[in-house]
Amino acid sequence: MAKTGKPQRRQERIHWRAVSGILLLDKPRGISSNAALQRVRRIFRAAKGGHTGSLDPLATGLLPICLGEATKIAGLLLGSRKAYETECRLGQTTDSADADGAVVDERPVPPLDAQRIEAALLPLRGRIRQVPPIYSALKRDGEPLYRLARRGEHVEVEARDALVHRFELIAMQGDRLRLHVECASGTYVRSLVRDLGDALGCGAHVTALRRLWVEPFTAPHMLDLPALESLAAGNDLAALDGVLLPIEAGLGGYAVVDLDDDAARRLRQGQAVVVASGVRGPCLARDALGVAVAFAEIDAHGTMRCVRGFNPD
């Protein structure tokens, strides 16, 4: 008997490849960081990839994505200083501290001016203690808190240290504020906005959030998914790979030590080498062609040891 029903679409097989570099993605609103990463991997056909620091689905902006050998420095970028522009609505508090959550409290917005807002912002700068949102990727017993919250389980989150370099008012219109934030990794902008609303006596939640930059990419040229898909449509892999930054770009804040061919070869093989550069501590080791050999550490005696080695293309 012949089978009936709609014909199934044949799924295109992806031929994964080894491609390395850093993409400065302009993440769109409405998808998770992991979903953005997987789309980028498919576009580049990259066998290996990872992102550096999650953005909420509501958030847009810079999401550095490391492909191939660049995934070895993803952990270094996770701890970098970051900058955001956010918009918040006063008078409402939500369970997620942003517009994707349910409203749990409403209060009238008192008369506000820049001076009163500045007084509320001041205690939220510097080294502070903050309680992360219950809808966050923090884990309890190996499970993200947002999953527990979505199941209706009671979630208690302990306060933790955060570092806020800048938290400033850009503009105020009605019950909306636009704010600029610069902070260390592990700081939740949603929590800052929630705490600002509490300090103003009316509550607040994030309605829009955009990440502007992540060190060392403080003036990033970002590409969005449609632009990448347009490049990929031409099947010109060289043009597509041309938008990737080299591994060295992600280590811009570290000292650079150039090695001769013999020292570069031995370091790539995991051997320690003695250098006379005068550099001490973590550094980027390059070969004679300027290609990254390793993220390395030089001790007080000038001995360089590999921390993360990079395979040449």
C-alpha atoms as a PDB file:
ATOM      1  CA  MET A   1       0.000   0.000   0.000  1.00  0.00           C
ATOM      2  CA  ALA A   2       1.382   3.383  -0.966  1.00  0.00           C
ATOM      3  CA  LYS A   3       2.104   5.805   1.818  1.00  0.00           C
ATOM      4  CA  THR A   4       0.053   8.994   1.880  1.00  0.00           C
ATOM      5  CA  GLY A   5       0.549  12.367   3.469  1.00  0.00           C
ATOM      6  CA  LYS A   6       2.763  15.371   2.894  1.00  0.00           C
ATOM      7  CA  PRO A   7       6.243  14.664   1.598  1.00  0.00           C
ATOM      8  CA  GLN A   8       8.912  15.234   4.196  1.00  0.00           C
ATOM      9  CA  ARG A   9      11.435  17.956   3.520  1.00  0.00           C
ATOM     10  CA  ARG A  10      14.921  16.570   3.179  1.00  0.00           C
ATOM     11  CA  GLN A  11      17.176  18.181   5.735  1.00  0.00           C
ATOM     12  CA  GLU A  12      20.308  19.619   4.197  1.00  0.00           C
ATOM     13  CA  ARG A  13      23.437  17.983   5.521  1.00  0.00           C
ATOM     14  CA  ILE A  14      25.966  20.447   6.858  1.00  0.00           C
ATOM     15  CA  HIS A  15      29.591  19.733   6.068  1.00  0.00           C
ATOM     16  CA  TRP A  16      31.258  21.092   9.193  1.00  0.00           C
ATOM     17  CA  ARG A  17      34.740  22.544   8.883  1.00  0.00           C
ATOM     18  CA  ALA A  18      37.574  23.817  11.036  1.00  0.00           C
ATOM     19  CA  VAL A  19      37.359  27.592  11.004  1.00  0.00           C
ATOM     20  CA  SER A  20      38.817  29.847  13.698  1.00  0.00           C
ATOM     21  CA  GLY A  21      38.247  33.454  14.689  1.00  0.00           C
ATOM     22  CA  ILE A  22      36.054  35.848  16.631  1.00  0.00           C
ATOM     23  CA  LEU A  23      32.769  37.206  15.320  1.00  0.00           C
ATOM     24  CA  LEU A  24      31.307  40.390  16.805  1.00  0.00           C
ATOM     25  CA  LEU A  25      27.633  39.527  16.436  1.00  0.00           C
ATOM     26  CA  ASP A  26      24.829  42.049  16.843  1.00  0.00           C
ATOM     27  CA  LYS A  27      22.386  39.697  18.567  1.00  0.00           C
ATOM     28  CA  PRO A  28      18.736  40.328  17.691  1.00  0.00           C
ATOM     29  CA  ARG A  29      15.979  40.620  20.250  1.00  0.00           C
ATOM     30  CA  GLY A  30      13.857  37.580  20.935  1.00  0.00           C
ATOM     31  CA  ILE A  31      16.374  34.730  20.784  1.00  0.00           C
ATOM     32  CA  SER A  32      18.736  33.272  23.342  1.00  0.00           C
ATOM     33  CA  SER A  33      22.496  33.612  23.121  1.00  0.00           C
ATOM     34  CA  ASN A  34      22.788  29.884  22.480  1.00  0.00           C
ATOM     35  CA  ALA A  35      20.266  30.062  19.618  1.00  0.00           C
ATOM     36  CA  ALA A  36      22.297  32.918  18.100  1.00  0.00           C
ATOM     37  CA  LEU A  37      25.480  30.869  18.468  1.00  0.00           C
ATOM     38  CA  GLN A  38      23.961  27.847  16.707  1.00  0.00           C
ATOM     39  CA  ARG A  39      22.777  29.998  13.791  1.00  0.00           C
ATOM     40  CA  VAL A  40      26.269  31.453  13.437  1.00  0.00           C
ATOM     41  CA  ARG A  41      27.813  27.984  13.538  1.00  0.00           C
ATOM     42  CA  ARG A  42      25.495  26.828  10.741  1.00  0.00           C
ATOM     43  CA  ILE A  43      26.249  29.918   8.645  1.00  0.00           C
ATOM     44  CA  PHE A  44      30.012  29.377   8.954  1.00  0.00           C
ATOM     45  CA  ARG A  45      29.691  25.563   9.034  1.00  0.00           C
ATOM     46  CA  ALA A  46      31.950  25.811  12.057  1.00  0.00           C
ATOM     47  CA  ALA A  47      32.667  22.526  13.782  1.00  0.00           C
ATOM     48  CA  LYS A  48      33.286  24.246  17.103  1.00  0.00           C
ATOM     49  CA  GLY A  49      31.983  27.448  18.683  1.00  0.00           C
ATOM     50  CA  GLY A  50      31.062  29.203  21.891  1.00  0.00           C
ATOM     51  CA  HIS A  51      29.793  32.595  23.028  1.00  0.00           C
ATOM     52  CA  THR A  52      31.274  34.819  25.695  1.00  0.00           C
ATOM     53  CA  GLY A  53      28.685  35.902  28.225  1.00  0.00           C
ATOM     54  CA  SER A  54      24.956  35.374  27.735  1.00  0.00           C
ATOM     55  CA  LEU A  55      22.522  38.075  26.748  1.00  0.00           C
ATOM     56  CA  ASP A  56      18.871  37.762  27.745  1.00  0.00           C
ATOM     57  CA  PRO A  57      16.436  37.054  24.866  1.00  0.00           C
ATOM     58  CA  LEU A  58      15.093  40.608  25.351  1.00  0.00           C
ATOM     59  CA  ALA A  59      18.587  42.091  24.907  1.00  0.00           C
ATOM     60  CA  THR A  60      20.346  43.075  21.694  1.00  0.00           C
ATOM     61  CA  GLY A  61      23.892  44.081  20.855  1.00  0.00           C
ATOM     62  CA  LEU A  62      27.397  42.754  21.082  1.00  0.00           C
ATOM     63  CA  LEU A  63      27.771  39.026  21.581  1.00  0.00           C
ATOM     64  CA  PRO A  64      31.348  37.942  20.831  1.00  0.00           C
ATOM     65  CA  ILE A  65      31.293  34.458  19.338  1.00  0.00           C
ATOM     66  CA  CYS A  66      34.457  32.361  19.297  1.00  0.00           C
ATOM     67  CA  LEU A  67      34.900  29.748  16.601  1.00  0.00           C
ATOM     68  CA  GLY A  68      37.447  26.954  16.453  1.00  0.00           C
ATOM     69  CA  GLU A  69      40.724  27.735  18.200  1.00  0.00           C
ATOM     70  CA  ALA A  70      39.289  31.014  19.493  1.00  0.00           C
ATOM     71  CA  THR A  71      37.076  29.055  21.907  1.00  0.00           C
ATOM     72  CA  LYS A  72      40.237  28.594  23.985  1.00  0.00           C
ATOM     73  CA  ILE A  73      40.114  32.261  25.036  1.00  0.00           C
ATOM     74  CA  ALA A  74      36.338  32.492  25.573  1.00  0.00           C
ATOM     75  CA  GLY A  75      36.827  32.209  29.327  1.00  0.00           C
ATOM     76  CA  LEU A  76      39.131  35.236  29.317  1.00  0.00           C
ATOM     77  CA  LEU A  77      36.494  37.364  27.581  1.00  0.00           C
ATOM     78  CA  LEU A  78      33.786  36.265  30.026  1.00  0.00           C
ATOM     79  CA  GLY A  79      35.347  38.329  32.808  1.00  0.00           C
ATOM     80  CA  SER A  80      35.703  41.512  30.773  1.00  0.00           C
ATOM     81  CA  ARG A  81      34.211  44.928  31.456  1.00  0.00           C
ATOM     82  CA  LYS A  82      30.976  45.556  29.547  1.00  0.00           C
ATOM     83  CA  ALA A  83      28.809  48.554  28.643  1.00  0.00           C
ATOM     84  CA  TYR A  84      25.047  48.716  28.128  1.00  0.00           C
ATOM     85  CA  GLU A  85      22.284  51.146  27.328  1.00  0.00           C
ATOM     86  CA  THR A  86      18.991  50.248  28.914  1.00  0.00           C
ATOM     87  CA  GLU A  87      15.472  51.635  29.047  1.00  0.00           C
ATOM     88  CA  CYS A  88      13.271  51.045  32.060  1.00  0.00           C
ATOM     89  CA  ARG A  89       9.684  51.668  33.005  1.00  0.00           C
ATOM     90  CA  LEU A  90       8.941  53.059  36.427  1.00  0.00           C
ATOM     91  CA  GLY A  91       5.912  52.097  38.488  1.00  0.00           C
ATOM     92  CA  GLN A  92       5.902  48.366  37.746  1.00  0.00           C
ATOM     93  CA  THR A  93       7.948  45.487  39.117  1.00  0.00           C
ATOM     94  CA  THR A  94       7.981  42.139  37.302  1.00  0.00           C
ATOM     95  CA  ASP A  95       9.045  38.693  38.474  1.00  0.00           C
ATOM     96  CA  SER A  96      11.864  38.589  35.912  1.00  0.00           C
ATOM     97  CA  ALA A  97      12.843  42.269  36.361  1.00  0.00           C
ATOM     98  CA  ASP A  98      12.189  42.855  32.654  1.00  0.00           C
ATOM     99  CA  ALA A  99       9.270  43.235  30.252  1.00  0.00           C
ATOM    100  CA  ASP A 100       9.155  39.497  29.518  1.00  0.00           C
ATOM    101  CA  GLY A 101       7.951  38.766  33.062  1.00  0.00           C
ATOM    102  CA  ALA A 102       4.629  39.065  34.844  1.00  0.00           C
ATOM    103  CA  VAL A 103       3.821  42.242  36.766  1.00  0.00           C
ATOM    104  CA  VAL A 104       3.923  41.511  40.493  1.00  0.00           C
ATOM    105  CA  ASP A 105       3.635  45.039  41.899  1.00  0.00           C
ATOM    106  CA  GLU A 106       2.401  48.448  40.756  1.00  0.00           C
ATOM    107  CA  ARG A 107       3.022  51.744  42.517  1.00  0.00           C
ATOM    108  CA  PRO A 108       2.520  55.379  41.555  1.00  0.00           C
ATOM    109  CA  VAL A 109       5.577  57.192  40.211  1.00  0.00           C
ATOM    110  CA  PRO A 110       6.465  60.173  42.423  1.00  0.00           C
ATOM    111  CA  PRO A 111       7.565  63.510  40.971  1.00  0.00           C
ATOM    112  CA  LEU A 112      11.147  63.022  39.815  1.00  0.00           C
ATOM    113  CA  ASP A 113      13.972  65.209  38.610  1.00  0.00           C
ATOM    114  CA  ALA A 114      17.573  64.531  37.633  1.00  0.00           C
ATOM    115  CA  GLN A 115      18.837  65.368  41.123  1.00  0.00           C
ATOM    116  CA  ARG A 116      16.582  62.836  42.833  1.00  0.00           C
ATOM    117  CA  ILE A 117      17.468  60.155  40.283  1.00  0.00           C
ATOM    118  CA  GLU A 118      21.185  60.858  40.751  1.00  0.00           C
ATOM    119  CA  ALA A 119      20.776  60.420  44.511  1.00  0.00           C
ATOM    120  CA  ALA A 120      19.218  56.985  43.878  1.00  0.00           C
ATOM    121  CA  LEU A 121      21.923  55.997  41.384  1.00  0.00           C
ATOM    122  CA  LEU A 122      24.844  56.910  43.644  1.00  0.00           C
ATOM    123  CA  PRO A 123      24.635  53.902  46.055  1.00  0.00           C
ATOM    124  CA  LEU A 124      24.413  51.549  43.059  1.00  0.00           C
ATOM    125  CA  ARG A 125      27.889  52.445  41.805  1.00  0.00           C
ATOM    126  CA  GLY A 126      31.207  50.914  42.762  1.00  0.00           C
ATOM    127  CA  ARG A 127      31.462  47.637  44.644  1.00  0.00           C
ATOM    128  CA  ILE A 128      27.953  46.668  45.646  1.00  0.00           C
ATOM    129  CA  ARG A 129      25.912  43.654  46.733  1.00  0.00           C
ATOM    130  CA  GLN A 130      23.017  42.698  44.504  1.00  0.00           C
ATOM    131  CA  VAL A 131      20.479  39.893  44.317  1.00  0.00           C
ATOM    132  CA  PRO A 132      20.344  38.372  40.813  1.00  0.00           C
ATOM    133  CA  PRO A 133      16.902  37.908  39.230  1.00  0.00           C
ATOM    134  CA  ILE A 134      15.248  34.570  39.878  1.00  0.00           C
ATOM    135  CA  TYR A 135      14.913  34.217  36.103  1.00  0.00           C
ATOM    136  CA  SER A 136      18.649  33.881  35.469  1.00  0.00           C
ATOM    137  CA  ALA A 137      21.117  31.261  34.297  1.00  0.00           C
ATOM    138  CA  LEU A 138      22.635  30.905  37.756  1.00  0.00           C
ATOM    139  CA  LYS A 139      22.488  27.295  38.843  1.00  0.00           C
ATOM    140  CA  ARG A 140      21.270  25.532  41.976  1.00  0.00           C
ATOM    141  CA  ASP A 141      22.177  21.862  42.226  1.00  0.00           C
ATOM    142  CA  GLY A 142      23.251  21.986  38.597  1.00  0.00           C
ATOM    143  CA  GLU A 143      19.960  23.380  37.259  1.00  0.00           C
ATOM    144  CA  PRO A 144      19.438  26.968  36.027  1.00  0.00           C
ATOM    145  CA  LEU A 145      17.257  29.074  38.315  1.00  0.00           C
ATOM    146  CA  TYR A 146      14.955  30.099  35.472  1.00  0.00           C
ATOM    147  CA  ARG A 147      13.883  26.479  35.008  1.00  0.00           C
ATOM    148  CA  LEU A 148      13.021  26.166  38.689  1.00  0.00           C
ATOM    149  CA  ALA A 149      11.081  29.443  38.579  1.00  0.00           C
ATOM    150  CA  ARG A 150       9.147  28.378  35.477  1.00  0.00           C
ATOM    151  CA  ARG A 151       8.101  25.193  37.269  1.00  0.00           C
ATOM    152  CA  GLY A 152       6.684  27.328  40.053  1.00  0.00           C
ATOM    153  CA  GLU A 153       9.270  26.263  42.609  1.00  0.00           C
ATOM    154  CA  HIS A 154      10.247  28.680  45.337  1.00  0.00           C
ATOM    155  CA  VAL A 155      13.596  30.211  44.426  1.00  0.00           C
ATOM    156  CA  GLU A 156      15.739  32.075  46.909  1.00  0.00           C
ATOM    157  CA  VAL A 157      18.767  33.861  45.506  1.00  0.00           C
ATOM    158  CA  GLU A 158      21.562  35.065  47.739  1.00  0.00           C
ATOM    159  CA  ALA A 159      23.124  38.483  47.301  1.00  0.00           C
ATOM    160  CA  ARG A 160      26.486  38.517  45.588  1.00  0.00           C
ATOM    161  CA  ASP A 161      29.258  40.980  44.886  1.00  0.00           C
ATOM    162  CA  ALA A 162      29.073  43.147  41.771  1.00  0.00           C
ATOM    163  CA  LEU A 163      31.185  45.967  40.396  1.00  0.00           C
ATOM    164  CA  VAL A 164      29.532  48.915  38.660  1.00  0.00           C
ATOM    165  CA  HIS A 165      31.897  51.398  37.034  1.00  0.00           C
ATOM    166  CA  ARG A 166      29.213  53.748  35.675  1.00  0.00           C
ATOM    167  CA  PHE A 167      25.452  53.995  36.152  1.00  0.00           C
ATOM    168  CA  GLU A 168      24.116  57.217  34.720  1.00  0.00           C
ATOM    169  CA  LEU A 169      20.891  58.812  33.519  1.00  0.00           C
ATOM    170  CA  ILE A 170      20.812  59.594  29.789  1.00  0.00           C
ATOM    171  CA  ALA A 171      17.238  60.808  29.424  1.00  0.00           C
ATOM    172  CA  MET A 172      13.894  60.896  31.253  1.00  0.00           C
ATOM    173  CA  GLN A 173      10.453  61.026  29.647  1.00  0.00           C
ATOM    174  CA  GLY A 174       7.319  60.369  31.647  1.00  0.00           C
ATOM    175  CA  ASP A 175       7.658  57.021  33.403  1.00  0.00           C
ATOM    176  CA  ARG A 176      10.588  55.969  31.206  1.00  0.00           C
ATOM    177  CA  LEU A 177      14.300  56.327  31.915  1.00  0.00           C
ATOM    178  CA  ARG A 178      17.248  55.700  29.606  1.00  0.00           C
ATOM    179  CA  LEU A 179      20.408  54.702  31.445  1.00  0.00           C
ATOM    180  CA  HIS A 180      24.057  53.961  30.667  1.00  0.00           C
ATOM    181  CA  VAL A 181      25.766  51.126  32.550  1.00  0.00           C
ATOM    182  CA  GLU A 182      29.387  49.990  32.604  1.00  0.00           C
ATOM    183  CA  CYS A 183      30.080  47.020  34.830  1.00  0.00           C
ATOM    184  CA  ALA A 184      32.184  43.963  35.460  1.00  0.00           C
ATOM    185  CA  SER A 185      31.121  40.477  34.473  1.00  0.00           C
ATOM    186  CA  GLY A 186      28.513  38.923  36.742  1.00  0.00           C
ATOM    187  CA  THR A 187      26.599  42.184  37.238  1.00  0.00           C
ATOM    188  CA  TYR A 188      22.900  42.054  36.338  1.00  0.00           C
ATOM    189  CA  VAL A 189      21.511  45.205  34.711  1.00  0.00           C
ATOM    190  CA  ARG A 190      18.002  43.955  35.473  1.00  0.00           C
ATOM    191  CA  SER A 191      18.878  43.897  39.175  1.00  0.00           C
ATOM    192  CA  LEU A 192      20.352  47.399  38.986  1.00  0.00           C
ATOM    193  CA  VAL A 193      17.154  48.710  37.427  1.00  0.00           C
ATOM    194  CA  ARG A 194      14.989  46.857  39.958  1.00  0.00           C
ATOM    195  CA  ASP A 195      17.027  48.299  42.842  1.00  0.00           C
ATOM    196  CA  LEU A 196      16.883  51.786  41.326  1.00  0.00           C
ATOM    197  CA  GLY A 197      13.090  51.524  41.156  1.00  0.00           C
ATOM    198  CA  ASP A 198      12.970  50.471  44.800  1.00  0.00           C
ATOM    199  CA  ALA A 199      15.188  53.419  45.769  1.00  0.00           C
ATOM    200  CA  LEU A 200      12.802  55.770  43.948  1.00  0.00           C
ATOM    201  CA  GLY A 201       9.858  54.222  45.813  1.00  0.00           C
ATOM    202  CA  CYS A 202       7.918  53.063  42.771  1.00  0.00           C
ATOM    203  CA  GLY A 203       9.619  49.981  41.373  1.00  0.00           C
ATOM    204  CA  ALA A 204      10.962  49.537  37.833  1.00  0.00           C
ATOM    205  CA  HIS A 205      11.746  46.933  35.203  1.00  0.00           C
ATOM    206  CA  VAL A 206      13.850  46.768  32.053  1.00  0.00           C
ATOM    207  CA  THR A 207      11.978  47.298  28.786  1.00  0.00           C
ATOM    208  CA  ALA A 208      14.990  47.361  26.441  1.00  0.00           C
ATOM    209  CA  LEU A 209      18.644  46.450  26.841  1.00  0.00           C
ATOM    210  CA  ARG A 210      21.512  46.785  24.386  1.00  0.00           C
ATOM    211  CA  ARG A 211      25.105  45.758  24.991  1.00  0.00           C
ATOM    212  CA  LEU A 212      27.350  48.402  23.464  1.00  0.00           C
ATOM    213  CA  TRP A 213      30.782  46.853  23.938  1.00  0.00           C
ATOM    214  CA  VAL A 214      32.847  44.236  25.723  1.00  0.00           C
ATOM    215  CA  GLU A 215      36.538  44.709  26.436  1.00  0.00           C
ATOM    216  CA  PRO A 216      38.757  44.582  24.456  1.00  0.00           C
ATOM    217  CA  PHE A 217      36.176  45.345  21.733  1.00  0.00           C
ATOM    218  CA  THR A 218      35.286  48.864  22.891  1.00  0.00           C
ATOM    219  CA  ALA A 219      34.503  50.215  19.400  1.00  0.00           C
ATOM    220  CA  PRO A 220      33.059  47.086  17.771  1.00  0.00           C
ATOM    221  CA  HIS A 221      32.039  46.724  14.149  1.00  0.00           C
ATOM    222  CA  MET A 222      29.124  44.347  14.643  1.00  0.00           C
ATOM    223  CA  LEU A 223      27.425  42.193  12.015  1.00  0.00           C
ATOM    224  CA  ASP A 224      23.859  40.931  12.255  1.00  0.00           C
ATOM    225  CA  LEU A 225      22.497  37.565  11.194  1.00  0.00           C
ATOM    226  CA  PRO A 226      20.895  38.761   7.905  1.00  0.00           C
ATOM    227  CA  ALA A 227      24.232  40.247   6.786  1.00  0.00           C
ATOM    228  CA  LEU A 228      26.020  36.986   7.562  1.00  0.00           C
ATOM    229  CA  GLU A 229      23.353  34.928   5.798  1.00  0.00           C
ATOM    230  CA  SER A 230      23.677  37.180   2.748  1.00  0.00           C
ATOM    231  CA  LEU A 231      27.434  36.544   2.655  1.00  0.00           C
ATOM    232  CA  ALA A 232      26.902  32.813   3.059  1.00  0.00           C
ATOM    233  CA  ALA A 233      24.365  32.725   0.229  1.00  0.00           C
ATOM    234  CA  GLY A 234      27.154  33.378  -2.264  1.00  0.00           C
ATOM    235  CA  ASN A 235      29.076  30.302  -1.093  1.00  0.00           C
ATOM    236  CA  ASP A 236      32.210  32.444  -0.920  1.00  0.00           C
ATOM    237  CA  LEU A 237      33.785  31.050   2.232  1.00  0.00           C
ATOM    238  CA  ALA A 238      36.798  33.344   1.909  1.00  0.00           C
ATOM    239  CA  ALA A 239      34.555  36.419   2.038  1.00  0.00           C
ATOM    240  CA  LEU A 240      32.614  34.961   4.947  1.00  0.00           C
ATOM    241  CA  ASP A 241      35.753  34.088   6.896  1.00  0.00           C
ATOM    242  CA  GLY A 242      37.063  37.576   6.171  1.00  0.00           C
ATOM    243  CA  VAL A 243      34.666  39.091   8.724  1.00  0.00           C
ATOM    244  CA  LEU A 244      36.234  37.070  11.545  1.00  0.00           C
ATOM    245  CA  LEU A 245      38.776  38.702  13.810  1.00  0.00           C
ATOM    246  CA  PRO A 246      41.953  36.760  14.612  1.00  0.00           C
ATOM    247  CA  ILE A 247      42.503  35.240  18.036  1.00  0.00           C
ATOM    248  CA  GLU A 248      45.018  38.013  18.754  1.00  0.00           C
ATOM    249  CA  ALA A 249      42.199  40.577  18.702  1.00  0.00           C
ATOM    250  CA  GLY A 250      40.645  38.965  21.764  1.00  0.00           C
ATOM    251  CA  LEU A 251      43.896  39.282  23.709  1.00  0.00           C
ATOM    252  CA  GLY A 252      44.426  42.973  23.035  1.00  0.00           C
ATOM    253  CA  GLY A 253      44.817  43.823  26.712  1.00  0.00           C
ATOM    254  CA  TYR A 254      47.835  41.554  27.234  1.00  0.00           C
ATOM    255  CA  ALA A 255      51.531  42.103  26.568  1.00  0.00           C
ATOM    256  CA  VAL A 256      52.819  40.587  23.324  1.00  0.00           C
ATOM    257  CA  VAL A 257      56.023  38.544  23.129  1.00  0.00           C
ATOM    258  CA  ASP A 258      57.361  37.593  19.693  1.00  0.00           C
ATOM    259  CA  LEU A 259      59.280  34.332  19.440  1.00  0.00           C
ATOM    260  CA  ASP A 260      61.736  32.989  16.907  1.00  0.00           C
ATOM    261  CA  ASP A 261      60.851  29.861  14.949  1.00  0.00           C
ATOM    262  CA  ASP A 262      62.594  27.464  17.354  1.00  0.00           C
ATOM    263  CA  ALA A 263      60.984  28.916  20.507  1.00  0.00           C
ATOM    264  CA  ALA A 264      57.555  29.024  18.840  1.00  0.00           C
ATOM    265  CA  ARG A 265      57.888  25.377  17.798  1.00  0.00           C
ATOM    266  CA  ARG A 266      58.907  24.265  21.285  1.00  0.00           C
ATOM    267  CA  LEU A 267      56.120  26.259  22.957  1.00  0.00           C
ATOM    268  CA  ARG A 268      53.582  24.689  20.568  1.00  0.00           C
ATOM    269  CA  GLN A 269      54.885  21.293  21.692  1.00  0.00           C
ATOM    270  CA  GLY A 270      54.197  22.203  25.309  1.00  0.00           C
ATOM    271  CA  GLN A 271      57.798  22.895  26.273  1.00  0.00           C
ATOM    272  CA  ALA A 272      58.850  25.848  28.425  1.00  0.00           C
ATOM    273  CA  VAL A 273      61.095  28.450  26.802  1.00  0.00           C
ATOM    274  CA  VAL A 274      63.265  31.185  28.299  1.00  0.00           C
ATOM    275  CA  VAL A 275      62.645  34.655  26.888  1.00  0.00           C
ATOM    276  CA  ALA A 276      64.471  37.927  27.390  1.00  0.00           C
ATOM    277  CA  SER A 277      61.517  40.221  26.754  1.00  0.00           C
ATOM    278  CA  GLY A 278      61.285  41.682  30.253  1.00  0.00           C
ATOM    279  CA  VAL A 279      57.582  40.799  30.317  1.00  0.00           C
ATOM    280  CA  ARG A 280      56.271  38.990  33.388  1.00  0.00           C
ATOM    281  CA  GLY A 281      52.874  37.433  33.949  1.00  0.00           C
ATOM    282  CA  PRO A 282      50.221  36.534  31.334  1.00  0.00           C
ATOM    283  CA  CYS A 283      50.954  37.419  27.719  1.00  0.00           C
ATOM    284  CA  LEU A 284      50.260  36.595  24.079  1.00  0.00           C
ATOM    285  CA  ALA A 285      53.091  34.661  22.425  1.00  0.00           C
ATOM    286  CA  ARG A 286      53.400  35.072  18.638  1.00  0.00           C
ATOM    287  CA  ASP A 287      55.626  33.477  16.038  1.00  0.00           C
ATOM    288  CA  ALA A 288      57.858  35.292  13.546  1.00  0.00           C
ATOM    289  CA  LEU A 289      54.860  35.822  11.233  1.00  0.00           C
ATOM    290  CA  GLY A 290      52.797  37.457  13.986  1.00  0.00           C
ATOM    291  CA  VAL A 291      50.502  34.444  14.350  1.00  0.00           C
ATOM    292  CA  ALA A 292      49.274  33.543  17.850  1.00  0.00           C
ATOM    293  CA  VAL A 293      51.167  30.602  19.311  1.00  0.00           C
ATOM    294  CA  ALA A 294      49.753  30.559  22.841  1.00  0.00           C
ATOM    295  CA  PHE A 295      48.306  32.458  25.721  1.00  0.00           C
ATOM    296  CA  ALA A 296      51.253  32.058  28.046  1.00  0.00           C
ATOM    297  CA  GLU A 297      52.616  32.936  31.480  1.00  0.00           C
ATOM    298  CA  ILE A 298      56.162  34.180  32.148  1.00  0.00           C
ATOM    299  CA  ASP A 299      57.540  33.667  35.645  1.00  0.00           C
ATOM    300  CA  ALA A 300      59.972  35.828  37.598  1.00  0.00           C
ATOM    301  CA  HIS A 301      62.947  34.066  35.982  1.00  0.00           C
ATOM    302  CA  GLY A 302      61.797  34.734  32.412  1.00  0.00           C
ATOM    303  CA  THR A 303      60.521  31.213  31.749  1.00  0.00           C
ATOM    304  CA  MET A 304      57.474  31.124  29.503  1.00  0.00           C
ATOM    305  CA  ARG A 305      54.946  28.313  29.835  1.00  0.00           C
ATOM    306  CA  CYS A 306      51.920  27.649  27.691  1.00  0.00           C
ATOM    307  CA  VAL A 307      48.503  28.208  29.308  1.00  0.00           C
ATOM    308  CA  ARG A 308      46.387  27.808  26.149  1.00  0.00           C
ATOM    309  CA  GLY A 309      48.110  26.703  22.957  1.00  0.00           C
ATOM    310  CA  PHE A 310      46.717  27.536  19.514  1.00  0.00           C
ATOM    311  CA  ASN A 311      47.052  25.208  16.546  1.00  0.00           C
ATOM    312  CA  PRO A 312      48.153  27.019  13.370  1.00  0.00           C
ATOM    313  CA  ASP A 313      45.641  27.141  10.487  1.00  0.00           C
END
